Amino acid sequence: MHRSGTTMAWNVFKFCTALRGLGSIMILLVLGVVGVTYYAVVWTNYGPALSAGGLDSLAALAIILLFHFLLAMLLWSYFSVVFTDPGVVPPNWRLASDEEQRGGESDPLNSLEFGGLHPDSSNQRTRFCRKCSQPKPPRCHHCSVCGRCVLKMDHHCVWVVSCVGALNYKYFLLFLLYTFLETTLVTLLLMPHFIAFFSDEEIPGTPGTLATTFLAFVLNLAFALSVMGFLIMHISLVSSNTTTIEAYEKKTSPKWPYDLGRKKNFEQVFGPDKIYWLIPAYSEEDLRRMPELQGLEYPSKPDFDSQDF
């Protein structure tokens, strides 16, 4: 029995190590798909139409501008996820419980699962990470791939070589959104060319350009369909102020105190400033006014029940 447990732990370790190595390859894969798509759309099919004159040139120009805008937003969001730390637990962090505020007599490790300003004694349990040997803030989880605790961890994503957590979750959602819009646009643009492959008409172009167009259509269709599923799932999670991991925890929890209503749930991810909603950044005012954007403090329902809005 002991040997079986040791073997399982070793297999998990090798699996986590493999995921770390796979991440860099996935970034190259993303850039490769972008390159194939760019060549098929801009250089092969719609770029040459710019010199045709008339309405065809205007239509091609509009398509290319929209394509580049969505591509720029996609890459901006993607690399914001890649290069933004999802959130690390500060050294010597302790949860500020009511007992600590009265004089620090309580054990700081005996925090609450749904801690904050209004703790619920029915959900009391120790929040301590044995692997990191440190207390865990509310909604924090340990990632075996990264080998550390991540604030408001959603999941580990091999596509971005990191975890998706409190500080880069918005960027990840925007990456999904712009990826879906871009791949859907490309699918619609290349669909007539794809259909032409199965007709008896002669198709202009070299075998290389035709193959690239065919491959770009298939890749973008596959990504559009798969990303659509993830996007719908995460929209549902944001609306209930839940992460992917917490969606499983809620099944065993009598109540979920972080669900503050769709508007406040949305603002806890995207911030109140509407100008910044669709770009991978936050305003300084939002970061100053909303500590939950930093991943350490999260208001619960009692917090807002006592306020007038």
C-alpha atoms as a PDB file:
ATOM      1  CA  MET A   1       0.000   0.000   0.000  1.00  0.00           C
ATOM      2  CA  HIS A   2       2.825   2.354   0.904  1.00  0.00           C
ATOM      3  CA  ARG A   3       4.643   1.478  -2.275  1.00  0.00           C
ATOM      4  CA  SER A   4       1.543   2.218  -4.338  1.00  0.00           C
ATOM      5  CA  GLY A   5       1.211   5.648  -2.747  1.00  0.00           C
ATOM      6  CA  THR A   6       4.877   6.398  -3.415  1.00  0.00           C
ATOM      7  CA  THR A   7       4.493   5.349  -7.046  1.00  0.00           C
ATOM      8  CA  MET A   8       1.423   7.561  -7.460  1.00  0.00           C
ATOM      9  CA  ALA A   9       3.232  10.553  -5.972  1.00  0.00           C
ATOM     10  CA  TRP A  10       6.162   9.979  -8.344  1.00  0.00           C
ATOM     11  CA  ASN A  11       3.836   9.763 -11.341  1.00  0.00           C
ATOM     12  CA  VAL A  12       2.133  13.002 -10.358  1.00  0.00           C
ATOM     13  CA  PHE A  13       5.525  14.689  -9.973  1.00  0.00           C
ATOM     14  CA  LYS A  14       6.570  13.573 -13.451  1.00  0.00           C
ATOM     15  CA  PHE A  15       3.226  14.745 -14.835  1.00  0.00           C
ATOM     16  CA  CYS A  16       3.666  18.206 -13.286  1.00  0.00           C
ATOM     17  CA  THR A  17       7.224  18.416 -14.600  1.00  0.00           C
ATOM     18  CA  ALA A  18       5.987  17.504 -18.073  1.00  0.00           C
ATOM     19  CA  LEU A  19       3.382  20.273 -17.921  1.00  0.00           C
ATOM     20  CA  ARG A  20       6.083  22.832 -17.138  1.00  0.00           C
ATOM     21  CA  GLY A  21       8.046  21.785 -20.204  1.00  0.00           C
ATOM     22  CA  LEU A  22       4.945  21.660 -22.362  1.00  0.00           C
ATOM     23  CA  GLY A  23       4.135  25.285 -21.642  1.00  0.00           C
ATOM     24  CA  SER A  24       6.912  26.773 -23.776  1.00  0.00           C
ATOM     25  CA  ILE A  25       5.895  24.550 -26.651  1.00  0.00           C
ATOM     26  CA  MET A  26       2.297  25.762 -26.358  1.00  0.00           C
ATOM     27  CA  ILE A  27       3.400  29.391 -26.718  1.00  0.00           C
ATOM     28  CA  LEU A  28       5.197  28.469 -29.932  1.00  0.00           C
ATOM     29  CA  LEU A  29       2.081  26.607 -31.063  1.00  0.00           C
ATOM     30  CA  VAL A  30      -0.068  29.697 -30.482  1.00  0.00           C
ATOM     31  CA  LEU A  31       2.358  31.837 -32.462  1.00  0.00           C
ATOM     32  CA  GLY A  32       2.443  29.187 -35.184  1.00  0.00           C
ATOM     33  CA  VAL A  33      -1.355  29.200 -35.537  1.00  0.00           C
ATOM     34  CA  VAL A  34      -1.280  33.011 -35.656  1.00  0.00           C
ATOM     35  CA  GLY A  35       1.367  32.896 -38.379  1.00  0.00           C
ATOM     36  CA  VAL A  36      -0.519  30.401 -40.541  1.00  0.00           C
ATOM     37  CA  THR A  37      -3.743  32.386 -40.113  1.00  0.00           C
ATOM     38  CA  TYR A  38      -2.076  35.686 -40.942  1.00  0.00           C
ATOM     39  CA  TYR A  39      -0.515  34.263 -44.096  1.00  0.00           C
ATOM     40  CA  ALA A  40      -3.807  32.744 -45.248  1.00  0.00           C
ATOM     41  CA  VAL A  41      -5.969  35.803 -44.589  1.00  0.00           C
ATOM     42  CA  VAL A  42      -3.712  38.789 -45.298  1.00  0.00           C
ATOM     43  CA  TRP A  43      -1.058  37.619 -47.724  1.00  0.00           C
ATOM     44  CA  THR A  44      -2.965  35.007 -49.699  1.00  0.00           C
ATOM     45  CA  ASN A  45      -6.647  35.952 -49.876  1.00  0.00           C
ATOM     46  CA  TYR A  46      -7.438  39.543 -48.877  1.00  0.00           C
ATOM     47  CA  GLY A  47      -4.171  41.459 -49.174  1.00  0.00           C
ATOM     48  CA  PRO A  48      -4.013  41.164 -52.978  1.00  0.00           C
ATOM     49  CA  ALA A  49      -7.598  42.478 -53.223  1.00  0.00           C
ATOM     50  CA  LEU A  50      -6.432  45.884 -51.935  1.00  0.00           C
ATOM     51  CA  SER A  51      -5.062  46.703 -55.378  1.00  0.00           C
ATOM     52  CA  ALA A  52      -8.213  45.604 -57.224  1.00  0.00           C
ATOM     53  CA  GLY A  53      -9.938  48.979 -56.866  1.00  0.00           C
ATOM     54  CA  GLY A  54     -13.579  49.797 -56.246  1.00  0.00           C
ATOM     55  CA  LEU A  55     -15.762  48.216 -53.581  1.00  0.00           C
ATOM     56  CA  ASP A  56     -13.623  45.087 -53.469  1.00  0.00           C
ATOM     57  CA  SER A  57     -10.676  47.129 -52.206  1.00  0.00           C
ATOM     58  CA  LEU A  58     -12.796  48.875 -49.563  1.00  0.00           C
ATOM     59  CA  ALA A  59     -14.230  45.575 -48.385  1.00  0.00           C
ATOM     60  CA  ALA A  60     -10.769  44.008 -48.217  1.00  0.00           C
ATOM     61  CA  LEU A  61      -9.432  47.031 -46.316  1.00  0.00           C
ATOM     62  CA  ALA A  62     -12.248  46.846 -43.763  1.00  0.00           C
ATOM     63  CA  ILE A  63     -11.672  43.106 -43.293  1.00  0.00           C
ATOM     64  CA  ILE A  64      -7.924  43.510 -42.866  1.00  0.00           C
ATOM     65  CA  LEU A  65      -8.328  46.366 -40.371  1.00  0.00           C
ATOM     66  CA  LEU A  66     -10.804  44.369 -38.277  1.00  0.00           C
ATOM     67  CA  PHE A  67      -8.557  41.304 -38.489  1.00  0.00           C
ATOM     68  CA  HIS A  68      -5.534  43.280 -37.258  1.00  0.00           C
ATOM     69  CA  PHE A  69      -7.488  44.953 -34.449  1.00  0.00           C
ATOM     70  CA  LEU A  70      -8.751  41.649 -33.060  1.00  0.00           C
ATOM     71  CA  LEU A  71      -5.327  40.061 -33.513  1.00  0.00           C
ATOM     72  CA  ALA A  72      -3.638  42.911 -31.628  1.00  0.00           C
ATOM     73  CA  MET A  73      -6.122  42.631 -28.754  1.00  0.00           C
ATOM     74  CA  LEU A  74      -5.740  38.842 -28.716  1.00  0.00           C
ATOM     75  CA  LEU A  75      -1.928  39.004 -28.489  1.00  0.00           C
ATOM     76  CA  TRP A  76      -2.023  41.845 -25.946  1.00  0.00           C
ATOM     77  CA  SER A  77      -4.359  39.852 -23.730  1.00  0.00           C
ATOM     78  CA  TYR A  78      -2.421  36.618 -24.233  1.00  0.00           C
ATOM     79  CA  PHE A  79       0.975  38.014 -23.288  1.00  0.00           C
ATOM     80  CA  SER A  80      -0.597  39.917 -20.390  1.00  0.00           C
ATOM     81  CA  VAL A  81      -1.669  36.542 -19.006  1.00  0.00           C
ATOM     82  CA  VAL A  82       1.741  34.992 -19.700  1.00  0.00           C
ATOM     83  CA  PHE A  83       3.825  37.760 -18.120  1.00  0.00           C
ATOM     84  CA  THR A  84       1.519  38.707 -15.219  1.00  0.00           C
ATOM     85  CA  ASP A  85       2.041  36.770 -12.016  1.00  0.00           C
ATOM     86  CA  PRO A  86      -1.329  35.270 -10.984  1.00  0.00           C
ATOM     87  CA  GLY A  87      -0.734  36.272  -7.371  1.00  0.00           C
ATOM     88  CA  VAL A  88       1.583  35.038  -4.621  1.00  0.00           C
ATOM     89  CA  VAL A  89       0.936  34.966  -0.881  1.00  0.00           C
ATOM     90  CA  PRO A  90       2.962  37.767   0.775  1.00  0.00           C
ATOM     91  CA  PRO A  91       5.584  36.670   3.324  1.00  0.00           C
ATOM     92  CA  ASN A  92       4.263  36.412   6.904  1.00  0.00           C
ATOM     93  CA  TRP A  93       0.695  36.952   5.732  1.00  0.00           C
ATOM     94  CA  ARG A  94      -2.005  36.418   8.381  1.00  0.00           C
ATOM     95  CA  LEU A  95      -5.789  36.624   8.143  1.00  0.00           C
ATOM     96  CA  ALA A  96      -7.147  39.500  10.226  1.00  0.00           C
ATOM     97  CA  SER A  97      -9.801  37.720  12.291  1.00  0.00           C
ATOM     98  CA  ASP A  98     -11.954  39.289  14.973  1.00  0.00           C
ATOM     99  CA  GLU A  99      -9.820  37.646  17.673  1.00  0.00           C
ATOM    100  CA  GLU A 100      -6.621  39.167  16.276  1.00  0.00           C
ATOM    101  CA  GLN A 101      -8.225  42.588  16.223  1.00  0.00           C
ATOM    102  CA  ARG A 102      -9.059  42.209  19.932  1.00  0.00           C
ATOM    103  CA  GLY A 103      -5.475  41.493  20.918  1.00  0.00           C
ATOM    104  CA  GLY A 104      -4.020  38.679  18.839  1.00  0.00           C
ATOM    105  CA  GLU A 105      -4.881  35.894  21.262  1.00  0.00           C
ATOM    106  CA  SER A 106      -6.106  33.446  18.657  1.00  0.00           C
ATOM    107  CA  ASP A 107      -4.045  31.199  16.466  1.00  0.00           C
ATOM    108  CA  PRO A 108      -3.764  32.999  13.106  1.00  0.00           C
ATOM    109  CA  LEU A 109      -3.709  29.668  11.293  1.00  0.00           C
ATOM    110  CA  ASN A 110      -7.223  28.827  12.464  1.00  0.00           C
ATOM    111  CA  SER A 111      -8.811  31.061   9.863  1.00  0.00           C
ATOM    112  CA  LEU A 112     -12.176  30.676   8.205  1.00  0.00           C
ATOM    113  CA  GLU A 113     -12.917  29.219   4.812  1.00  0.00           C
ATOM    114  CA  PHE A 114     -15.105  32.203   4.055  1.00  0.00           C
ATOM    115  CA  GLY A 115     -13.121  34.658   6.169  1.00  0.00           C
ATOM    116  CA  GLY A 116     -13.173  38.415   5.877  1.00  0.00           C
ATOM    117  CA  LEU A 117     -15.014  41.062   7.794  1.00  0.00           C
ATOM    118  CA  HIS A 118     -18.003  38.821   8.564  1.00  0.00           C
ATOM    119  CA  PRO A 119     -16.771  35.293   9.345  1.00  0.00           C
ATOM    120  CA  ASP A 120     -19.187  32.401   9.415  1.00  0.00           C
ATOM    121  CA  SER A 121     -18.475  30.079  12.350  1.00  0.00           C
ATOM    122  CA  SER A 122     -20.278  27.226  10.619  1.00  0.00           C
ATOM    123  CA  ASN A 123     -17.492  27.046   8.028  1.00  0.00           C
ATOM    124  CA  GLN A 124     -14.504  27.258  10.394  1.00  0.00           C
ATOM    125  CA  ARG A 125     -11.468  25.184   9.506  1.00  0.00           C
ATOM    126  CA  THR A 126      -7.719  25.593   9.240  1.00  0.00           C
ATOM    127  CA  ARG A 127      -6.474  27.186   6.047  1.00  0.00           C
ATOM    128  CA  PHE A 128      -2.847  26.119   5.966  1.00  0.00           C
ATOM    129  CA  CYS A 129      -0.706  24.821   3.103  1.00  0.00           C
ATOM    130  CA  ARG A 130       1.532  21.986   4.251  1.00  0.00           C
ATOM    131  CA  LYS A 131       3.595  22.089   1.060  1.00  0.00           C
ATOM    132  CA  CYS A 132       4.376  25.809   1.365  1.00  0.00           C
ATOM    133  CA  SER A 133       4.321  25.762   5.198  1.00  0.00           C
ATOM    134  CA  GLN A 134       2.296  28.948   5.341  1.00  0.00           C
ATOM    135  CA  PRO A 135      -1.309  30.052   5.916  1.00  0.00           C
ATOM    136  CA  LYS A 136      -3.519  30.488   2.878  1.00  0.00           C
ATOM    137  CA  PRO A 137      -5.684  33.577   2.250  1.00  0.00           C
ATOM    138  CA  PRO A 138      -9.349  33.049   1.418  1.00  0.00           C
ATOM    139  CA  ARG A 139      -9.899  31.489  -2.031  1.00  0.00           C
ATOM    140  CA  CYS A 140      -6.193  30.623  -2.335  1.00  0.00           C
ATOM    141  CA  HIS A 141      -5.084  27.163  -3.523  1.00  0.00           C
ATOM    142  CA  HIS A 142      -1.811  25.333  -4.017  1.00  0.00           C
ATOM    143  CA  CYS A 143      -0.719  24.555  -7.581  1.00  0.00           C
ATOM    144  CA  SER A 144       1.320  21.368  -7.885  1.00  0.00           C
ATOM    145  CA  VAL A 145       2.660  22.420 -11.289  1.00  0.00           C
ATOM    146  CA  CYS A 146       3.895  25.851 -10.195  1.00  0.00           C
ATOM    147  CA  GLY A 147       4.849  24.487  -6.770  1.00  0.00           C
ATOM    148  CA  ARG A 148       3.313  27.362  -4.809  1.00  0.00           C
ATOM    149  CA  CYS A 149       0.048  28.800  -3.527  1.00  0.00           C
ATOM    150  CA  VAL A 150      -1.830  31.023  -5.977  1.00  0.00           C
ATOM    151  CA  LEU A 151      -4.277  33.734  -4.952  1.00  0.00           C
ATOM    152  CA  LYS A 152      -7.848  32.989  -6.095  1.00  0.00           C
ATOM    153  CA  MET A 153      -6.514  30.210  -8.280  1.00  0.00           C
ATOM    154  CA  ASP A 154      -8.784  29.224 -11.148  1.00  0.00           C
ATOM    155  CA  HIS A 155      -6.662  26.580 -12.891  1.00  0.00           C
ATOM    156  CA  HIS A 156      -3.210  25.914 -14.277  1.00  0.00           C
ATOM    157  CA  CYS A 157      -3.167  26.635 -18.003  1.00  0.00           C
ATOM    158  CA  VAL A 158      -0.470  25.088 -20.184  1.00  0.00           C
ATOM    159  CA  TRP A 159      -1.325  27.560 -22.959  1.00  0.00           C
ATOM    160  CA  VAL A 160       0.015  30.450 -20.873  1.00  0.00           C
ATOM    161  CA  VAL A 161       2.759  28.508 -19.014  1.00  0.00           C
ATOM    162  CA  SER A 162       1.329  29.588 -15.680  1.00  0.00           C
ATOM    163  CA  CYS A 163      -1.660  29.593 -13.391  1.00  0.00           C
ATOM    164  CA  VAL A 164      -4.718  31.723 -13.937  1.00  0.00           C
ATOM    165  CA  GLY A 165      -5.378  33.527 -10.672  1.00  0.00           C
ATOM    166  CA  ALA A 166      -6.490  36.777  -9.068  1.00  0.00           C
ATOM    167  CA  LEU A 167      -4.088  39.092 -10.893  1.00  0.00           C
ATOM    168  CA  ASN A 168      -4.406  37.722 -14.441  1.00  0.00           C
ATOM    169  CA  TYR A 169      -7.907  36.207 -14.565  1.00  0.00           C
ATOM    170  CA  LYS A 170      -9.365  39.244 -16.345  1.00  0.00           C
ATOM    171  CA  TYR A 171      -6.606  39.040 -18.962  1.00  0.00           C
ATOM    172  CA  PHE A 172      -7.349  35.351 -19.460  1.00  0.00           C
ATOM    173  CA  LEU A 173     -11.048  36.060 -20.026  1.00  0.00           C
ATOM    174  CA  LEU A 174     -10.205  38.770 -22.559  1.00  0.00           C
ATOM    175  CA  PHE A 175      -7.846  36.340 -24.267  1.00  0.00           C
ATOM    176  CA  LEU A 176     -10.727  33.874 -24.589  1.00  0.00           C
ATOM    177  CA  LEU A 177     -13.061  36.606 -25.862  1.00  0.00           C
ATOM    178  CA  TYR A 178     -10.720  37.968 -28.525  1.00  0.00           C
ATOM    179  CA  THR A 179      -9.620  34.487 -29.544  1.00  0.00           C
ATOM    180  CA  PHE A 180     -13.250  33.518 -30.102  1.00  0.00           C
ATOM    181  CA  LEU A 181     -13.976  36.689 -32.088  1.00  0.00           C
ATOM    182  CA  GLU A 182     -10.818  36.390 -34.189  1.00  0.00           C
ATOM    183  CA  THR A 183     -11.169  32.694 -34.974  1.00  0.00           C
ATOM    184  CA  THR A 184     -14.863  33.127 -35.763  1.00  0.00           C
ATOM    185  CA  LEU A 185     -14.043  35.985 -38.144  1.00  0.00           C
ATOM    186  CA  VAL A 186     -11.334  33.950 -39.875  1.00  0.00           C
ATOM    187  CA  THR A 187     -13.637  30.929 -40.148  1.00  0.00           C
ATOM    188  CA  LEU A 188     -16.298  33.030 -41.864  1.00  0.00           C
ATOM    189  CA  LEU A 189     -13.747  34.692 -44.157  1.00  0.00           C
ATOM    190  CA  LEU A 190     -12.165  31.435 -45.291  1.00  0.00           C
ATOM    191  CA  MET A 191     -15.337  29.366 -45.452  1.00  0.00           C
ATOM    192  CA  PRO A 192     -16.036  30.184 -49.158  1.00  0.00           C
ATOM    193  CA  HIS A 193     -12.490  29.147 -50.019  1.00  0.00           C
ATOM    194  CA  PHE A 194     -12.884  25.954 -47.996  1.00  0.00           C
ATOM    195  CA  ILE A 195     -16.150  25.083 -49.758  1.00  0.00           C
ATOM    196  CA  ALA A 196     -14.471  25.712 -53.113  1.00  0.00           C
ATOM    197  CA  PHE A 197     -12.072  22.845 -52.384  1.00  0.00           C
ATOM    198  CA  PHE A 198     -14.971  20.413 -52.790  1.00  0.00           C
ATOM    199  CA  SER A 199     -16.375  21.944 -55.975  1.00  0.00           C
ATOM    200  CA  ASP A 200     -15.452  21.282 -59.576  1.00  0.00           C
ATOM    201  CA  GLU A 201     -14.341  24.876 -60.112  1.00  0.00           C
ATOM    202  CA  GLU A 202     -10.696  25.694 -60.710  1.00  0.00           C
ATOM    203  CA  ILE A 203      -9.214  27.383 -57.649  1.00  0.00           C
ATOM    204  CA  PRO A 204      -6.554  30.056 -58.208  1.00  0.00           C
ATOM    205  CA  GLY A 205      -3.344  29.795 -56.238  1.00  0.00           C
ATOM    206  CA  THR A 206      -0.342  27.557 -55.717  1.00  0.00           C
ATOM    207  CA  PRO A 207      -0.569  24.232 -53.886  1.00  0.00           C
ATOM    208  CA  GLY A 208       1.203  25.869 -50.940  1.00  0.00           C
ATOM    209  CA  THR A 209      -1.248  28.771 -50.596  1.00  0.00           C
ATOM    210  CA  LEU A 210      -4.222  26.445 -51.025  1.00  0.00           C
ATOM    211  CA  ALA A 211      -2.911  24.098 -48.351  1.00  0.00           C
ATOM    212  CA  THR A 212      -2.301  27.021 -45.992  1.00  0.00           C
ATOM    213  CA  THR A 213      -5.840  28.311 -46.514  1.00  0.00           C
ATOM    214  CA  PHE A 214      -7.287  24.861 -45.880  1.00  0.00           C
ATOM    215  CA  LEU A 215      -5.199  24.398 -42.712  1.00  0.00           C
ATOM    216  CA  ALA A 216      -6.021  27.881 -41.405  1.00  0.00           C
ATOM    217  CA  PHE A 217      -9.751  27.268 -41.815  1.00  0.00           C
ATOM    218  CA  VAL A 218      -9.656  23.929 -39.999  1.00  0.00           C
ATOM    219  CA  LEU A 219      -7.528  25.297 -37.124  1.00  0.00           C
ATOM    220  CA  ASN A 220      -9.626  28.412 -36.619  1.00  0.00           C
ATOM    221  CA  LEU A 221     -12.888  26.473 -36.763  1.00  0.00           C
ATOM    222  CA  ALA A 222     -11.591  24.050 -34.138  1.00  0.00           C
ATOM    223  CA  PHE A 223     -10.384  26.861 -31.868  1.00  0.00           C
ATOM    224  CA  ALA A 224     -13.615  28.844 -32.290  1.00  0.00           C
ATOM    225  CA  LEU A 225     -15.755  25.910 -31.199  1.00  0.00           C
ATOM    226  CA  SER A 226     -13.543  24.885 -28.275  1.00  0.00           C
ATOM    227  CA  VAL A 227     -12.965  28.418 -26.987  1.00  0.00           C
ATOM    228  CA  MET A 228     -16.696  29.141 -27.202  1.00  0.00           C
ATOM    229  CA  GLY A 229     -17.317  26.378 -24.670  1.00  0.00           C
ATOM    230  CA  PHE A 230     -14.667  27.728 -22.282  1.00  0.00           C
ATOM    231  CA  LEU A 231     -15.946  31.280 -22.710  1.00  0.00           C
ATOM    232  CA  ILE A 232     -19.518  30.300 -21.864  1.00  0.00           C
ATOM    233  CA  MET A 233     -18.313  28.358 -18.818  1.00  0.00           C
ATOM    234  CA  HIS A 234     -16.249  31.276 -17.488  1.00  0.00           C
ATOM    235  CA  ILE A 235     -19.031  33.789 -18.092  1.00  0.00           C
ATOM    236  CA  SER A 236     -21.182  31.592 -15.865  1.00  0.00           C
ATOM    237  CA  LEU A 237     -18.421  31.442 -13.243  1.00  0.00           C
ATOM    238  CA  VAL A 238     -17.923  35.213 -13.241  1.00  0.00           C
ATOM    239  CA  SER A 239     -21.667  35.806 -12.877  1.00  0.00           C
ATOM    240  CA  SER A 240     -21.647  33.758  -9.650  1.00  0.00           C
ATOM    241  CA  ASN A 241     -18.212  35.003  -8.449  1.00  0.00           C
ATOM    242  CA  THR A 242     -16.754  31.499  -8.584  1.00  0.00           C
ATOM    243  CA  THR A 243     -13.528  30.011  -9.895  1.00  0.00           C
ATOM    244  CA  THR A 244     -13.212  26.667 -11.647  1.00  0.00           C
ATOM    245  CA  ILE A 245     -11.854  25.073  -8.459  1.00  0.00           C
ATOM    246  CA  GLU A 246     -14.534  26.695  -6.298  1.00  0.00           C
ATOM    247  CA  ALA A 247     -17.254  25.367  -8.570  1.00  0.00           C
ATOM    248  CA  TYR A 248     -16.464  21.925  -7.141  1.00  0.00           C
ATOM    249  CA  GLU A 249     -16.143  23.241  -3.577  1.00  0.00           C
ATOM    250  CA  LYS A 250     -19.606  24.822  -3.750  1.00  0.00           C
ATOM    251  CA  LYS A 251     -21.141  21.362  -4.133  1.00  0.00           C
ATOM    252  CA  THR A 252     -20.198  20.598  -0.511  1.00  0.00           C
ATOM    253  CA  SER A 253     -20.760  24.096   0.874  1.00  0.00           C
ATOM    254  CA  PRO A 254     -24.103  25.044   2.463  1.00  0.00           C
ATOM    255  CA  LYS A 255     -23.862  28.551   0.980  1.00  0.00           C
ATOM    256  CA  TRP A 256     -21.575  30.720  -1.133  1.00  0.00           C
ATOM    257  CA  PRO A 257     -20.987  34.102   0.519  1.00  0.00           C
ATOM    258  CA  TYR A 258     -18.980  35.648  -2.345  1.00  0.00           C
ATOM    259  CA  ASP A 259     -21.952  35.831  -4.727  1.00  0.00           C
ATOM    260  CA  LEU A 260     -22.823  39.526  -4.416  1.00  0.00           C
ATOM    261  CA  GLY A 261     -25.015  39.836  -7.503  1.00  0.00           C
ATOM    262  CA  ARG A 262     -23.988  39.872 -11.144  1.00  0.00           C
ATOM    263  CA  LYS A 263     -22.913  43.526 -11.263  1.00  0.00           C
ATOM    264  CA  LYS A 264     -20.610  43.386  -8.237  1.00  0.00           C
ATOM    265  CA  ASN A 265     -19.362  39.937  -9.237  1.00  0.00           C
ATOM    266  CA  PHE A 266     -18.410  41.310 -12.646  1.00  0.00           C
ATOM    267  CA  GLU A 267     -16.663  44.323 -11.117  1.00  0.00           C
ATOM    268  CA  GLN A 268     -14.567  42.075  -8.867  1.00  0.00           C
ATOM    269  CA  VAL A 269     -12.936  40.716 -12.026  1.00  0.00           C
ATOM    270  CA  PHE A 270     -13.077  43.628 -14.490  1.00  0.00           C
ATOM    271  CA  GLY A 271     -13.225  46.603 -12.122  1.00  0.00           C
ATOM    272  CA  PRO A 272     -15.845  49.383 -12.001  1.00  0.00           C
ATOM    273  CA  ASP A 273     -14.192  51.574 -14.675  1.00  0.00           C
ATOM    274  CA  LYS A 274     -16.002  50.756 -17.935  1.00  0.00           C
ATOM    275  CA  ILE A 275     -13.205  52.219 -20.066  1.00  0.00           C
ATOM    276  CA  TYR A 276     -10.922  49.379 -18.946  1.00  0.00           C
ATOM    277  CA  TRP A 277     -13.387  46.519 -19.275  1.00  0.00           C
ATOM    278  CA  LEU A 278     -12.233  45.383 -22.726  1.00  0.00           C
ATOM    279  CA  ILE A 279      -8.496  45.965 -22.356  1.00  0.00           C
ATOM    280  CA  PRO A 280      -6.026  43.892 -20.292  1.00  0.00           C
ATOM    281  CA  ALA A 281      -5.323  46.559 -17.681  1.00  0.00           C
ATOM    282  CA  TYR A 282      -6.821  48.231 -14.623  1.00  0.00           C
ATOM    283  CA  SER A 283      -7.110  51.882 -13.761  1.00  0.00           C
ATOM    284  CA  GLU A 284      -5.139  53.078 -10.738  1.00  0.00           C
ATOM    285  CA  GLU A 285      -8.398  54.213  -9.180  1.00  0.00           C
ATOM    286  CA  ASP A 286      -9.893  50.718  -9.422  1.00  0.00           C
ATOM    287  CA  LEU A 287      -6.800  49.154  -7.872  1.00  0.00           C
ATOM    288  CA  ARG A 288      -6.911  51.673  -5.040  1.00  0.00           C
ATOM    289  CA  ARG A 289     -10.645  51.358  -4.315  1.00  0.00           C
ATOM    290  CA  MET A 290     -11.006  47.578  -4.707  1.00  0.00           C
ATOM    291  CA  PRO A 291      -8.553  45.506  -2.625  1.00  0.00           C
ATOM    292  CA  GLU A 292     -10.165  42.327  -3.987  1.00  0.00           C
ATOM    293  CA  LEU A 293      -8.411  43.023  -7.295  1.00  0.00           C
ATOM    294  CA  GLN A 294      -5.163  42.312  -5.411  1.00  0.00           C
ATOM    295  CA  GLY A 295      -6.409  38.848  -4.430  1.00  0.00           C
ATOM    296  CA  LEU A 296      -6.129  38.997  -0.630  1.00  0.00           C
ATOM    297  CA  GLU A 297      -9.457  40.417   0.585  1.00  0.00           C
ATOM    298  CA  TYR A 298     -12.926  39.525  -0.641  1.00  0.00           C
ATOM    299  CA  PRO A 299     -16.170  41.017   0.643  1.00  0.00           C
ATOM    300  CA  SER A 300     -19.041  38.667   1.365  1.00  0.00           C
ATOM    301  CA  LYS A 301     -22.794  39.139   1.459  1.00  0.00           C
ATOM    302  CA  PRO A 302     -22.968  40.443   5.058  1.00  0.00           C
ATOM    303  CA  ASP A 303     -20.485  43.170   4.106  1.00  0.00           C
ATOM    304  CA  PHE A 304     -22.883  44.608   1.571  1.00  0.00           C
ATOM    305  CA  ASP A 305     -26.029  43.969   3.568  1.00  0.00           C
ATOM    306  CA  SER A 306     -24.792  46.524   6.079  1.00  0.00           C
ATOM    307  CA  GLN A 307     -24.137  49.200   3.454  1.00  0.00           C
ATOM    308  CA  ASP A 308     -26.506  51.508   1.617  1.00  0.00           C
ATOM    309  CA  PHE A 309     -26.314  51.450  -2.154  1.00  0.00           C
END
